[in-house]
Every structure is written in C-alpha cells, then in structure tokens.
Amino acid sequence: MRRRKPAHTRRLLARNIRRLRLQRNWSQDDLADAAGVRQALVSALEVSTANPTLETLDKVAIALDVEVADLLMPTAKVFAGSSRRRPPARSHGRSVA
C-alpha cells in the first residue's frame, strides 16, 4: 500500500464530507446539528484544517448515514456501489437529421 501524507487524507475527508452534505441539500449548520458538533468544526473539516477525533468522524458519518471508512475513500470508490443513476453521456458528434 502506498503511503499518503496526512494532508492528502484530510483533503479526501473534506471533499467527501462536503459532497455528502450537499447531496442532502444541507447547510453546514444542518450537518452540525445532526452530528452534534459545532458549525465551525464542520467548516474546518471541509477546508482541511481540522484534525478530527475518531469520535467526531463517527458522529459525522452517522449524521450522513455512511461508514467512517466512506469518509476517507477516494470519491470513485465511495459512490461505486451507489444505486443512484448517472445522467446519460452527452454525444459530442453532430446528429444527422
């Protein structure tokens, strides 16, 4: 397994938390309330400046209805098993009418 720098892991965490929060149409305040943490902590998590405890990660994961491991996975892996359908691919060619 490749070694990662802690900053890389924090960026993955930040992207996943923000993406999952926005998928639910939640504000940072909404996530903070659901997780029982302060909005300032949610903000710090989303800009990669926080170094959260396992307890905090667990609270955020429960609020977002995912596993803690999902918060640390690269995006493609987190959503690979999702049942959400992707929009159809755009055709770059011209259609002949």
PDB file of N, CA and C in Angstrom:
ATOM      1  N   MET A   1       0.841  -1.182   0.000  1.00  0.00           N
ATOM      2  CA  MET A   1       0.000   0.000   0.000  1.00  0.00           C
ATOM      3  C   MET A   1       0.881   1.239   0.000  1.00  0.00           C
ATOM      4  N   ARG A   2       0.490   2.200  -0.828  1.00  0.00           N
ATOM      5  CA  ARG A   2       1.227   3.454  -0.913  1.00  0.00           C
ATOM      6  C   ARG A   2       1.043   4.299   0.330  1.00  0.00           C
ATOM      7  N   ARG A   3       2.085   4.983   0.703  1.00  0.00           N
ATOM      8  CA  ARG A   3       1.993   5.911   1.826  1.00  0.00           C
ATOM      9  C   ARG A   3       1.367   7.209   1.365  1.00  0.00           C
ATOM     10  N   ARG A   4       0.536   7.768   2.203  1.00  0.00           N
ATOM     11  CA  ARG A   4      -0.077   9.063   1.923  1.00  0.00           C
ATOM     12  C   ARG A   4       0.347  10.054   2.976  1.00  0.00           C
ATOM     13  N   LYS A   5       0.402  11.288   2.569  1.00  0.00           N
ATOM     14  CA  LYS A   5       0.665  12.344   3.535  1.00  0.00           C
ATOM     15  C   LYS A   5      -0.642  12.650   4.257  1.00  0.00           C
ATOM     16  N   PRO A   6      -0.570  13.036   5.529  1.00  0.00           N
ATOM     17  CA  PRO A   6      -1.794  13.381   6.264  1.00  0.00           C
ATOM     18  C   PRO A   6      -2.635  14.452   5.569  1.00  0.00           C
ATOM     19  N   ALA A   7      -1.995  15.393   4.894  1.00  0.00           N
ATOM     20  CA  ALA A   7      -2.749  16.446   4.198  1.00  0.00           C
ATOM     21  C   ALA A   7      -3.619  15.856   3.098  1.00  0.00           C
ATOM     22  N   HIS A   8      -3.143  14.808   2.434  1.00  0.00           N
ATOM     23  CA  HIS A   8      -3.937  14.148   1.392  1.00  0.00           C
ATOM     24  C   HIS A   8      -5.191  13.525   2.000  1.00  0.00           C
ATOM     25  N   THR A   9      -5.030  12.871   3.128  1.00  0.00           N
ATOM     26  CA  THR A   9      -6.170  12.243   3.800  1.00  0.00           C
ATOM     27  C   THR A   9      -7.176  13.292   4.248  1.00  0.00           C
ATOM     28  N   ARG A  10      -6.691  14.412   4.766  1.00  0.00           N
ATOM     29  CA  ARG A  10      -7.607  15.485   5.177  1.00  0.00           C
ATOM     30  C   ARG A  10      -8.367  16.049   3.985  1.00  0.00           C
ATOM     31  N   ARG A  11      -7.708  16.159   2.812  1.00  0.00           N
ATOM     32  CA  ARG A  11      -8.405  16.643   1.610  1.00  0.00           C
ATOM     33  C   ARG A  11      -9.483  15.667   1.156  1.00  0.00           C
ATOM     34  N   LEU A  12      -9.183  14.361   1.210  1.00  0.00           N
ATOM     35  CA  LEU A  12     -10.203  13.357   0.868  1.00  0.00           C
ATOM     36  C   LEU A  12     -11.398  13.486   1.806  1.00  0.00           C
ATOM     37  N   LEU A  13     -11.110  13.588   3.087  1.00  0.00           N
ATOM     38  CA  LEU A  13     -12.157  13.730   4.089  1.00  0.00           C
ATOM     39  C   LEU A  13     -12.994  14.980   3.804  1.00  0.00           C
ATOM     40  N   ALA A  14     -12.329  16.090   3.535  1.00  0.00           N
ATOM     41  CA  ALA A  14     -13.021  17.356   3.276  1.00  0.00           C
ATOM     42  C   ALA A  14     -13.941  17.241   2.068  1.00  0.00           C
ATOM     43  N   ARG A  15     -13.423  16.699   0.978  1.00  0.00           N
ATOM     44  CA  ARG A  15     -14.237  16.566  -0.243  1.00  0.00           C
ATOM     45  C   ARG A  15     -15.449  15.677  -0.015  1.00  0.00           C
ATOM     46  N   ASN A  16     -15.240  14.560   0.661  1.00  0.00           N
ATOM     47  CA  ASN A  16     -16.346  13.622   0.871  1.00  0.00           C
ATOM     48  C   ASN A  16     -17.411  14.189   1.794  1.00  0.00           C
ATOM     49  N   ILE A  17     -16.998  14.845   2.861  1.00  0.00           N
ATOM     50  CA  ILE A  17     -17.990  15.437   3.778  1.00  0.00           C
ATOM     51  C   ILE A  17     -18.804  16.493   3.036  1.00  0.00           C
ATOM     52  N   ARG A  18     -18.124  17.367   2.309  1.00  0.00           N
ATOM     53  CA  ARG A  18     -18.839  18.426   1.579  1.00  0.00           C
ATOM     54  C   ARG A  18     -19.786  17.832   0.541  1.00  0.00           C
ATOM     55  N   ARG A  19     -19.306  16.862  -0.229  1.00  0.00           N
ATOM     56  CA  ARG A  19     -20.139  16.246  -1.274  1.00  0.00           C
ATOM     57  C   ARG A  19     -21.379  15.591  -0.659  1.00  0.00           C
ATOM     58  N   LEU A  20     -21.182  14.825   0.403  1.00  0.00           N
ATOM     59  CA  LEU A  20     -22.310  14.141   1.036  1.00  0.00           C
ATOM     60  C   LEU A  20     -23.294  15.133   1.645  1.00  0.00           C
ATOM     61  N   ARG A  21     -22.766  16.201   2.239  1.00  0.00           N
ATOM     62  CA  ARG A  21     -23.640  17.227   2.824  1.00  0.00           C
ATOM     63  C   ARG A  21     -24.470  17.901   1.736  1.00  0.00           C
ATOM     64  N   LEU A  22     -23.828  18.264   0.643  1.00  0.00           N
ATOM     65  CA  LEU A  22     -24.543  18.947  -0.431  1.00  0.00           C
ATOM     66  C   LEU A  22     -25.542  18.037  -1.138  1.00  0.00           C
ATOM     67  N   GLN A  23     -25.245  16.737  -1.198  1.00  0.00           N
ATOM     68  CA  GLN A  23     -26.205  15.795  -1.783  1.00  0.00           C
ATOM     69  C   GLN A  23     -27.508  15.788  -1.005  1.00  0.00           C
ATOM     70  N   ARG A  24     -27.423  16.084   0.270  1.00  0.00           N
ATOM     71  CA  ARG A  24     -28.617  16.108   1.115  1.00  0.00           C
ATOM     72  C   ARG A  24     -29.240  17.503   1.172  1.00  0.00           C
ATOM     73  N   ASN A  25     -28.641  18.435   0.433  1.00  0.00           N
ATOM     74  CA  ASN A  25     -29.087  19.830   0.463  1.00  0.00           C
ATOM     75  C   ASN A  25     -29.054  20.408   1.870  1.00  0.00           C
ATOM     76  N   TRP A  26     -28.024  20.053   2.615  1.00  0.00           N
ATOM     77  CA  TRP A  26     -27.845  20.527   3.982  1.00  0.00           C
ATOM     78  C   TRP A  26     -26.853  21.677   4.008  1.00  0.00           C
ATOM     79  N   SER A  27     -27.095  22.606   4.899  1.00  0.00           N
ATOM     80  CA  SER A  27     -26.102  23.635   5.185  1.00  0.00           C
ATOM     81  C   SER A  27     -25.101  23.049   6.178  1.00  0.00           C
ATOM     82  N   GLN A  28     -24.029  23.773   6.422  1.00  0.00           N
ATOM     83  CA  GLN A  28     -23.085  23.325   7.447  1.00  0.00           C
ATOM     84  C   GLN A  28     -23.769  23.290   8.812  1.00  0.00           C
ATOM     85  N   ASP A  29     -24.665  24.225   9.055  1.00  0.00           N
ATOM     86  CA  ASP A  29     -25.413  24.226  10.315  1.00  0.00           C
ATOM     87  C   ASP A  29     -26.271  22.968  10.451  1.00  0.00           C
ATOM     88  N   ASP A  30     -26.909  22.559   9.339  1.00  0.00           N
ATOM     89  CA  ASP A  30     -27.738  21.352   9.366  1.00  0.00           C
ATOM     90  C   ASP A  30     -26.901  20.125   9.743  1.00  0.00           C
ATOM     91  N   LEU A  31     -25.733  19.996   9.112  1.00  0.00           N
ATOM     92  CA  LEU A  31     -24.865  18.861   9.427  1.00  0.00           C
ATOM     93  C   LEU A  31     -24.371  18.938  10.869  1.00  0.00           C
ATOM     94  N   ALA A  32     -23.997  20.123  11.299  1.00  0.00           N
ATOM     95  CA  ALA A  32     -23.527  20.294  12.671  1.00  0.00           C
ATOM     96  C   ALA A  32     -24.603  19.877  13.671  1.00  0.00           C
ATOM     97  N   ASP A  33     -25.828  20.295  13.433  1.00  0.00           N
ATOM     98  CA  ASP A  33     -26.937  19.922  14.321  1.00  0.00           C
ATOM     99  C   ASP A  33     -27.158  18.417  14.324  1.00  0.00           C
ATOM    100  N   ALA A  34     -27.150  17.802  13.147  1.00  0.00           N
ATOM    101  CA  ALA A  34     -27.391  16.360  13.042  1.00  0.00           C
ATOM    102  C   ALA A  34     -26.270  15.558  13.696  1.00  0.00           C
ATOM    103  N   ALA A  35     -25.044  16.078  13.628  1.00  0.00           N
ATOM    104  CA  ALA A  35     -23.897  15.354  14.182  1.00  0.00           C
ATOM    105  C   ALA A  35     -23.617  15.715  15.635  1.00  0.00           C
ATOM    106  N   GLY A  36     -24.224  16.785  16.123  1.00  0.00           N
ATOM    107  CA  GLY A  36     -23.965  17.206  17.496  1.00  0.00           C
ATOM    108  C   GLY A  36     -22.591  17.836  17.668  1.00  0.00           C
ATOM    109  N   VAL A  37     -22.156  18.577  16.638  1.00  0.00           N
ATOM    110  CA  VAL A  37     -20.879  19.285  16.710  1.00  0.00           C
ATOM    111  C   VAL A  37     -21.130  20.743  16.339  1.00  0.00           C
ATOM    112  N   ARG A  38     -20.109  21.583  16.479  1.00  0.00           N
ATOM    113  CA  ARG A  38     -20.255  22.993  16.141  1.00  0.00           C
ATOM    114  C   ARG A  38     -20.112  23.210  14.637  1.00  0.00           C
ATOM    115  N   GLN A  39     -20.782  24.221  14.129  1.00  0.00           N
ATOM    116  CA  GLN A  39     -20.685  24.559  12.704  1.00  0.00           C
ATOM    117  C   GLN A  39     -19.252  24.905  12.334  1.00  0.00           C
ATOM    118  N   ALA A  40     -18.526  25.537  13.231  1.00  0.00           N
ATOM    119  CA  ALA A  40     -17.128  25.900  12.961  1.00  0.00           C
ATOM    120  C   ALA A  40     -16.282  24.654  12.700  1.00  0.00           C
ATOM    121  N   LEU A  41     -16.596  23.552  13.379  1.00  0.00           N
ATOM    122  CA  LEU A  41     -15.864  22.307  13.147  1.00  0.00           C
ATOM    123  C   LEU A  41     -16.192  21.743  11.771  1.00  0.00           C
ATOM    124  N   VAL A  42     -17.455  21.777  11.385  1.00  0.00           N
ATOM    125  CA  VAL A  42     -17.837  21.307  10.044  1.00  0.00           C
ATOM    126  C   VAL A  42     -17.102  22.135   9.000  1.00  0.00           C
ATOM    127  N   SER A  43     -17.055  23.443   9.175  1.00  0.00           N
ATOM    128  CA  SER A  43     -16.338  24.308   8.255  1.00  0.00           C
ATOM    129  C   SER A  43     -14.856  23.934   8.191  1.00  0.00           C
ATOM    130  N   ALA A  44     -14.239  23.745   9.341  1.00  0.00           N
ATOM    131  CA  ALA A  44     -12.819  23.379   9.388  1.00  0.00           C
ATOM    132  C   ALA A  44     -12.567  22.024   8.731  1.00  0.00           C
ATOM    133  N   LEU A  45     -13.495  21.087   8.899  1.00  0.00           N
ATOM    134  CA  LEU A  45     -13.354  19.788   8.240  1.00  0.00           C
ATOM    135  C   LEU A  45     -13.396  19.946   6.725  1.00  0.00           C
ATOM    136  N   GLU A  46     -14.284  20.795   6.241  1.00  0.00           N
ATOM    137  CA  GLU A  46     -14.474  20.960   4.802  1.00  0.00           C
ATOM    138  C   GLU A  46     -13.365  21.761   4.122  1.00  0.00           C
ATOM    139  N   VAL A  47     -12.562  22.467   4.888  1.00  0.00           N
ATOM    140  CA  VAL A  47     -11.429  23.180   4.299  1.00  0.00           C
ATOM    141  C   VAL A  47     -10.094  22.547   4.708  1.00  0.00           C
ATOM    142  N   SER A  48     -10.156  21.350   5.233  1.00  0.00           N
ATOM    143  CA  SER A  48      -8.971  20.542   5.558  1.00  0.00           C
ATOM    144  C   SER A  48      -8.076  21.127   6.636  1.00  0.00           C
ATOM    145  N   THR A  49      -8.636  21.925   7.543  1.00  0.00           N
ATOM    146  CA  THR A  49      -7.795  22.479   8.604  1.00  0.00           C
ATOM    147  C   THR A  49      -7.990  21.767   9.935  1.00  0.00           C
ATOM    148  N   ALA A  50      -9.035  20.946  10.050  1.00  0.00           N
ATOM    149  CA  ALA A  50      -9.291  20.230  11.301  1.00  0.00           C
ATOM    150  C   ALA A  50      -8.591  18.877  11.290  1.00  0.00           C
ATOM    151  N   ASN A  51      -8.217  18.430  12.456  1.00  0.00           N
ATOM    152  CA  ASN A  51      -7.655  17.104  12.644  1.00  0.00           C
ATOM    153  C   ASN A  51      -8.625  16.392  13.599  1.00  0.00           C
ATOM    154  N   PRO A  52      -9.726  15.828  13.060  1.00  0.00           N
ATOM    155  CA  PRO A  52     -10.812  15.334  13.917  1.00  0.00           C
ATOM    156  C   PRO A  52     -10.455  14.058  14.681  1.00  0.00           C
ATOM    157  N   THR A  53     -11.131  13.898  15.796  1.00  0.00           N
ATOM    158  CA  THR A  53     -11.004  12.658  16.563  1.00  0.00           C
ATOM    159  C   THR A  53     -11.851  11.578  15.900  1.00  0.00           C
ATOM    160  N   LEU A  54     -11.632  10.349  16.287  1.00  0.00           N
ATOM    161  CA  LEU A  54     -12.468   9.259  15.780  1.00  0.00           C
ATOM    162  C   LEU A  54     -13.915   9.450  16.206  1.00  0.00           C
ATOM    163  N   GLU A  55     -14.117   9.978  17.398  1.00  0.00           N
ATOM    164  CA  GLU A  55     -15.479  10.225  17.877  1.00  0.00           C
ATOM    165  C   GLU A  55     -16.192  11.239  16.963  1.00  0.00           C
ATOM    166  N   THR A  56     -15.488  12.289  16.568  1.00  0.00           N
ATOM    167  CA  THR A  56     -16.076  13.284  15.666  1.00  0.00           C
ATOM    168  C   THR A  56     -16.382  12.674  14.309  1.00  0.00           C
ATOM    169  N   LEU A  57     -15.443  11.893  13.770  1.00  0.00           N
ATOM    170  CA  LEU A  57     -15.690  11.233  12.485  1.00  0.00           C
ATOM    171  C   LEU A  57     -16.902  10.323  12.567  1.00  0.00           C
ATOM    172  N   ASP A  58     -17.037   9.627  13.679  1.00  0.00           N
ATOM    173  CA  ASP A  58     -18.177   8.733  13.869  1.00  0.00           C
ATOM    174  C   ASP A  58     -19.484   9.524  13.895  1.00  0.00           C
ATOM    175  N   LYS A  59     -19.513  10.628  14.594  1.00  0.00           N
ATOM    176  CA  LYS A  59     -20.716  11.465  14.658  1.00  0.00           C
ATOM    177  C   LYS A  59     -21.104  11.987  13.278  1.00  0.00           C
ATOM    178  N   VAL A  60     -20.112  12.448  12.524  1.00  0.00           N
ATOM    179  CA  VAL A  60     -20.378  12.984  11.182  1.00  0.00           C
ATOM    180  C   VAL A  60     -20.866  11.863  10.263  1.00  0.00           C
ATOM    181  N   ALA A  61     -20.221  10.703  10.335  1.00  0.00           N
ATOM    182  CA  ALA A  61     -20.619   9.575   9.488  1.00  0.00           C
ATOM    183  C   ALA A  61     -22.049   9.139   9.803  1.00  0.00           C
ATOM    184  N   ILE A  62     -22.400   9.057  11.064  1.00  0.00           N
ATOM    185  CA  ILE A  62     -23.762   8.673  11.447  1.00  0.00           C
ATOM    186  C   ILE A  62     -24.762   9.697  10.918  1.00  0.00           C
ATOM    187  N   ALA A  63     -24.436  10.981  11.064  1.00  0.00           N
ATOM    188  CA  ALA A  63     -25.339  12.034  10.576  1.00  0.00           C
ATOM    189  C   ALA A  63     -25.533  11.941   9.069  1.00  0.00           C
ATOM    190  N   LEU A  64     -24.471  11.563   8.345  1.00  0.00           N
ATOM    191  CA  LEU A  64     -24.549  11.467   6.890  1.00  0.00           C
ATOM    192  C   LEU A  64     -24.995  10.087   6.416  1.00  0.00           C
ATOM    193  N   ASP A  65     -25.231   9.178   7.353  1.00  0.00           N
ATOM    194  CA  ASP A  65     -25.692   7.826   7.056  1.00  0.00           C
ATOM    195  C   ASP A  65     -24.702   7.056   6.176  1.00  0.00           C
ATOM    196  N   VAL A  66     -23.417   7.156   6.537  1.00  0.00           N
ATOM    197  CA  VAL A  66     -22.365   6.405   5.859  1.00  0.00           C
ATOM    198  C   VAL A  66     -21.441   5.816   6.923  1.00  0.00           C
ATOM    199  N   GLU A  67     -20.524   4.976   6.482  1.00  0.00           N
ATOM    200  CA  GLU A  67     -19.496   4.441   7.371  1.00  0.00           C
ATOM    201  C   GLU A  67     -18.342   5.433   7.458  1.00  0.00           C
ATOM    202  N   VAL A  68     -17.612   5.404   8.557  1.00  0.00           N
ATOM    203  CA  VAL A  68     -16.452   6.279   8.706  1.00  0.00           C
ATOM    204  C   VAL A  68     -15.472   6.045   7.560  1.00  0.00           C
ATOM    205  N   ALA A  69     -15.274   4.803   7.173  1.00  0.00           N
ATOM    206  CA  ALA A  69     -14.350   4.492   6.080  1.00  0.00           C
ATOM    207  C   ALA A  69     -14.753   5.199   4.784  1.00  0.00           C
ATOM    208  N   ASP A  70     -16.057   5.370   4.563  1.00  0.00           N
ATOM    209  CA  ASP A  70     -16.528   6.050   3.353  1.00  0.00           C
ATOM    210  C   ASP A  70     -16.073   7.506   3.306  1.00  0.00           C
ATOM    211  N   LEU A  71     -15.889   8.101   4.463  1.00  0.00           N
ATOM    212  CA  LEU A  71     -15.444   9.493   4.509  1.00  0.00           C
ATOM    213  C   LEU A  71     -13.996   9.644   4.070  1.00  0.00           C
ATOM    214  N   LEU A  72     -13.240   8.542   4.109  1.00  0.00           N
ATOM    215  CA  LEU A  72     -11.816   8.600   3.801  1.00  0.00           C
ATOM    216  C   LEU A  72     -11.456   7.978   2.461  1.00  0.00           C
ATOM    217  N   MET A  73     -12.451   7.475   1.754  1.00  0.00           N
ATOM    218  CA  MET A  73     -12.213   6.820   0.467  1.00  0.00           C
ATOM    219  C   MET A  73     -12.164   7.830  -0.673  1.00  0.00           C
ATOM    220  N   PRO A  74     -11.360   7.515  -1.703  1.00  0.00           N
ATOM    221  CA  PRO A  74     -11.439   8.347  -2.910  1.00  0.00           C
ATOM    222  C   PRO A  74     -12.870   8.320  -3.447  1.00  0.00           C
ATOM    223  N   THR A  75     -13.304   9.395  -4.041  1.00  0.00           N
ATOM    224  CA  THR A  75     -14.684   9.573  -4.469  1.00  0.00           C
ATOM    225  C   THR A  75     -15.220   8.434  -5.308  1.00  0.00           C
ATOM    226  N   ALA A  76     -14.475   7.974  -6.275  1.00  0.00           N
ATOM    227  CA  ALA A  76     -14.958   6.917  -7.166  1.00  0.00           C
ATOM    228  C   ALA A  76     -15.312   5.662  -6.385  1.00  0.00           C
ATOM    229  N   LYS A  77     -14.562   5.364  -5.353  1.00  0.00           N
ATOM    230  CA  LYS A  77     -14.831   4.165  -4.561  1.00  0.00           C
ATOM    231  C   LYS A  77     -16.033   4.348  -3.648  1.00  0.00           C
ATOM    232  N   VAL A  78     -16.207   5.552  -3.135  1.00  0.00           N
ATOM    233  CA  VAL A  78     -17.326   5.817  -2.222  1.00  0.00           C
ATOM    234  C   VAL A  78     -18.653   5.623  -2.929  1.00  0.00           C
ATOM    235  N   PHE A  79     -18.736   6.083  -4.176  1.00  0.00           N
ATOM    236  CA  PHE A  79     -20.008   6.081  -4.862  1.00  0.00           C
ATOM    237  C   PHE A  79     -20.152   4.963  -5.891  1.00  0.00           C
ATOM    238  N   ALA A  80     -19.158   4.082  -6.000  1.00  0.00           N
ATOM    239  CA  ALA A  80     -19.220   2.997  -6.983  1.00  0.00           C
ATOM    240  C   ALA A  80     -20.386   2.064  -6.713  1.00  0.00           C
ATOM    241  N   GLY A  81     -20.707   1.833  -5.463  1.00  0.00           N
ATOM    242  CA  GLY A  81     -21.796   0.938  -5.112  1.00  0.00           C
ATOM    243  C   GLY A  81     -23.131   1.628  -4.980  1.00  0.00           C
ATOM    244  N   SER A  82     -23.158   2.903  -5.281  1.00  0.00           N
ATOM    245  CA  SER A  82     -24.390   3.671  -5.131  1.00  0.00           C
ATOM    246  C   SER A  82     -25.442   3.241  -6.145  1.00  0.00           C
ATOM    247  N   SER A  83     -26.689   3.290  -5.717  1.00  0.00           N
ATOM    248  CA  SER A  83     -27.782   2.925  -6.616  1.00  0.00           C
ATOM    249  C   SER A  83     -28.249   4.118  -7.443  1.00  0.00           C
ATOM    250  N   ARG A  84     -27.654   5.274  -7.212  1.00  0.00           N
ATOM    251  CA  ARG A  84     -28.053   6.464  -7.972  1.00  0.00           C
ATOM    252  C   ARG A  84     -27.610   6.305  -9.410  1.00  0.00           C
ATOM    253  N   ARG A  85     -28.492   6.650 -10.306  1.00  0.00           N
ATOM    254  CA  ARG A  85     -28.174   6.571 -11.723  1.00  0.00           C
ATOM    255  C   ARG A  85     -27.463   7.829 -12.164  1.00  0.00           C
ATOM    256  N   ARG A  86     -26.522   7.662 -13.056  1.00  0.00           N
ATOM    257  CA  ARG A  86     -25.805   8.803 -13.608  1.00  0.00           C
ATOM    258  C   ARG A  86     -26.564   9.328 -14.810  1.00  0.00           C
ATOM    259  N   PRO A  87     -26.427  10.611 -15.089  1.00  0.00           N
ATOM    260  CA  PRO A  87     -27.092  11.147 -16.277  1.00  0.00           C
ATOM    261  C   PRO A  87     -26.465  10.541 -17.528  1.00  0.00           C
ATOM    262  N   PRO A  88     -27.232  10.430 -18.615  1.00  0.00           N
ATOM    263  CA  PRO A  88     -26.677   9.862 -19.839  1.00  0.00           C
ATOM    264  C   PRO A  88     -25.525  10.700 -20.356  1.00  0.00           C
ATOM    265  N   ALA A  89     -24.560  10.042 -20.972  1.00  0.00           N
ATOM    266  CA  ALA A  89     -23.402  10.742 -21.520  1.00  0.00           C
ATOM    267  C   ALA A  89     -23.829  11.608 -22.688  1.00  0.00           C
ATOM    268  N   ARG A  90     -23.197  12.735 -22.810  1.00  0.00           N
ATOM    269  CA  ARG A  90     -23.504  13.646 -23.919  1.00  0.00           C
ATOM    270  C   ARG A  90     -22.810  13.150 -25.178  1.00  0.00           C
ATOM    271  N   SER A  91     -23.480  13.311 -26.271  1.00  0.00           N
ATOM    272  CA  SER A  91     -22.901  12.965 -27.556  1.00  0.00           C
ATOM    273  C   SER A  91     -22.157  14.178 -28.088  1.00  0.00           C
ATOM    274  N   HIS A  92     -20.894  13.981 -28.462  1.00  0.00           N
ATOM    275  CA  HIS A  92     -20.100  15.099 -28.959  1.00  0.00           C
ATOM    276  C   HIS A  92     -20.175  15.220 -30.479  1.00  0.00           C
ATOM    277  N   GLY A  93     -20.735  14.210 -31.115  1.00  0.00           N
ATOM    278  CA  GLY A  93     -20.889  14.254 -32.578  1.00  0.00           C
ATOM    279  C   GLY A  93     -22.154  14.982 -32.957  1.00  0.00           C
ATOM    280  N   ARG A  94     -22.210  15.388 -34.195  1.00  0.00           N
ATOM    281  CA  ARG A  94     -23.411  16.071 -34.675  1.00  0.00           C
ATOM    282  C   ARG A  94     -24.404  15.027 -35.144  1.00  0.00           C
ATOM    283  N   SER A  95     -25.643  15.253 -34.833  1.00  0.00           N
ATOM    284  CA  SER A  95     -26.665  14.307 -35.291  1.00  0.00           C
ATOM    285  C   SER A  95     -27.098  14.689 -36.707  1.00  0.00           C
ATOM    286  N   VAL A  96     -27.373  13.681 -37.474  1.00  0.00           N
ATOM    287  CA  VAL A  96     -27.801  13.894 -38.847  1.00  0.00           C
ATOM    288  C   VAL A  96     -29.313  13.771 -38.878  1.00  0.00           C
ATOM    289  N   ALA A  97     -29.987  14.838 -39.256  1.00  0.00           N
ATOM    290  CA  ALA A  97     -31.449  14.818 -39.249  1.00  0.00           C
ATOM    291  C   ALA A  97     -32.016  14.635 -40.615  1.00  0.00           C
TER     292      ALA A  97
END
